[in-house]
Protein backbone atom coordinates (compact mmCIF):
# COMPACT_ATOMS: atom_id res chain seq x y z
CA MET A 1 117.79 180.35 164.58
CA ILE A 2 119.68 182.91 162.49
CA ASP A 3 120.85 184.77 165.60
CA GLU A 4 122.03 181.52 167.21
CA VAL A 5 124.07 180.57 164.14
CA GLU A 6 125.62 184.04 163.90
CA ILE A 7 126.59 183.91 167.59
CA PHE A 8 128.05 180.42 167.12
CA LEU A 9 130.17 181.55 164.15
CA ASP A 10 131.35 184.58 166.11
CA GLN A 11 132.34 182.49 169.15
CA LYS A 12 133.80 179.41 167.45
CA LEU A 13 135.23 180.77 164.20
CA LYS A 14 135.92 184.33 165.40
CA ILE A 15 134.18 185.91 162.41
CA GLN A 16 131.13 188.10 162.12
CA VAL A 17 128.93 187.37 159.13
CA LYS A 18 125.37 188.08 158.11
CA ILE A 19 123.14 185.07 157.54
CA ASP A 20 120.16 185.37 155.21
CA GLN A 21 118.39 182.11 156.12
CA ALA A 22 118.95 179.16 158.45
CA TRP A 23 116.84 176.03 158.79
CA ARG A 24 117.10 172.48 160.05
CA ILE A 25 117.08 169.65 157.53
CA ARG A 26 115.98 166.02 157.85
CA PRO A 27 113.32 164.74 160.24
CA ALA A 28 114.09 164.68 163.94
CA LYS A 29 115.38 161.39 165.41
CA PRO A 30 115.84 160.74 169.12
CA GLY A 31 119.50 160.95 170.09
CA TYR A 32 120.61 162.72 166.90
CA ASN A 33 121.22 166.37 166.16
CA ARG A 34 119.68 167.60 162.95
CA PRO A 35 121.96 169.42 160.51
CA ILE A 36 121.43 173.10 159.87
CA ARG A 37 121.60 174.55 156.39
CA ILE A 38 122.49 178.22 156.19
CA GLN A 39 122.36 180.69 153.34
CA MET A 40 124.76 183.61 153.51
CA THR A 41 123.89 187.15 152.52
CA ASN A 42 126.94 187.43 150.26
CA MET A 43 129.74 185.29 148.83
CA ARG A 44 132.48 187.05 150.82
CA ASP A 45 130.86 185.95 154.10
CA ARG A 46 130.47 182.40 152.76
CA ASN A 47 134.11 182.25 151.74
CA ASP A 48 135.19 183.60 155.14
CA VAL A 49 133.23 180.85 156.90
CA ILE A 50 134.67 178.14 154.63
CA LYS A 51 138.21 179.41 155.27
CA GLN A 52 137.71 179.36 159.04
CA LYS A 53 136.04 175.93 159.28
CA LYS A 54 139.45 174.46 160.11
CA ASN A 55 138.95 175.88 163.61
CA LEU A 56 136.29 173.23 164.19
CA ARG A 57 138.76 170.33 163.99
CA GLY A 58 138.52 168.04 166.98
CA SER A 59 134.90 168.96 167.67
CA ASN A 60 131.76 167.08 166.68
CA ILE A 61 130.74 169.93 164.36
CA TYR A 62 131.50 170.00 160.65
CA MET A 63 130.72 172.24 157.71
CA ASP A 64 130.43 171.35 154.08
CA GLN A 65 129.42 173.15 150.93
CA ASP A 66 126.10 172.24 149.36
CA LEU A 67 127.26 171.31 145.86
CA THR A 68 125.24 170.02 142.95
CA ALA A 69 126.09 166.55 141.61
CA SER A 70 128.08 168.00 138.69
CA GLU A 71 129.96 170.45 140.96
CA LEU A 72 130.85 167.56 143.28
CA LYS A 73 132.05 165.45 140.34
CA ASN A 74 134.23 168.30 139.06
CA SER A 75 135.60 169.03 142.53
CA LYS A 76 136.56 165.38 143.05
CA ALA A 77 138.26 165.27 139.65
CA LEU A 78 140.30 168.38 140.46
CA GLN A 79 141.24 167.01 143.90
CA LYS A 80 142.39 163.73 142.34
CA TYR A 81 144.43 165.64 139.74
CA ARG A 82 145.96 167.77 142.50
CA GLY A 83 147.13 164.61 144.24
CA GLU A 84 148.69 163.29 141.05
CA VAL A 85 150.63 166.48 140.28
CA SER A 86 151.67 166.87 143.91
CA GLN A 87 153.22 163.39 143.81
CA GLN A 88 155.23 164.56 140.81
CA GLY A 89 156.66 167.33 143.00
CA LYS A 90 154.66 170.12 141.40
CA GLN A 91 153.08 172.85 143.51
CA ALA A 92 149.29 172.93 143.15
CA PHE A 93 146.59 174.88 144.96
CA PHE A 94 142.94 175.78 144.51
CA LYS A 95 142.02 179.27 143.38
CA ARG A 96 138.36 180.28 142.95
CA GLY A 97 137.15 176.75 142.24
CA GLN A 98 139.95 175.96 139.83
CA LEU A 99 143.35 174.34 140.26
CA GLN A 100 146.55 176.26 139.66
CA VAL A 101 149.58 174.11 138.88
CA GLU A 102 152.88 175.91 138.40
CA GLY A 103 151.35 178.94 136.71
CA LYS A 104 148.71 177.09 134.66
CA LEU A 105 145.04 177.09 135.60
CA TYR A 106 142.90 173.96 135.27
CA GLY A 107 139.15 173.47 135.52
CA ALA A 108 136.83 170.50 135.19
CA VAL A 109 133.72 169.98 133.10
CA ASN A 110 131.76 166.76 133.56
CA GLY A 111 134.71 165.40 135.55
CA ILE A 112 137.21 166.00 132.73
CA ILE A 113 140.23 168.20 133.53
CA THR A 114 141.01 170.95 131.00
CA GLU A 115 143.46 173.80 130.97
CA VAL A 116 141.77 177.18 131.23
CA GLN A 117 142.75 179.29 128.23
CA GLY A 118 143.38 183.01 128.47
CA TYR A 119 144.73 182.90 132.00
């Protein structure tokens, strides 16, 4: 399965990465495709795949990060905050799991937004 996933990523996303493990999750159901969970060899490859997942738009294939409940809560809080500051006309973008807003870096802990000190 690892070879098939690597070939798929090369053909669809135009990137060559090394996959450590790949396996199907959930029990098989007639008429449904089972999701595949992959584990990358290194973070650079993972980040490259995440950046290129936009090339799958319009297909029936999607990719998502496997986040813990607390990571998901923090990510949603940062995304909500990004929307709020964007409506105020401020430029905001994500940088290494944190949100940068006009030169200030923000993170989230337990869903609470805080400014990262020492940035």
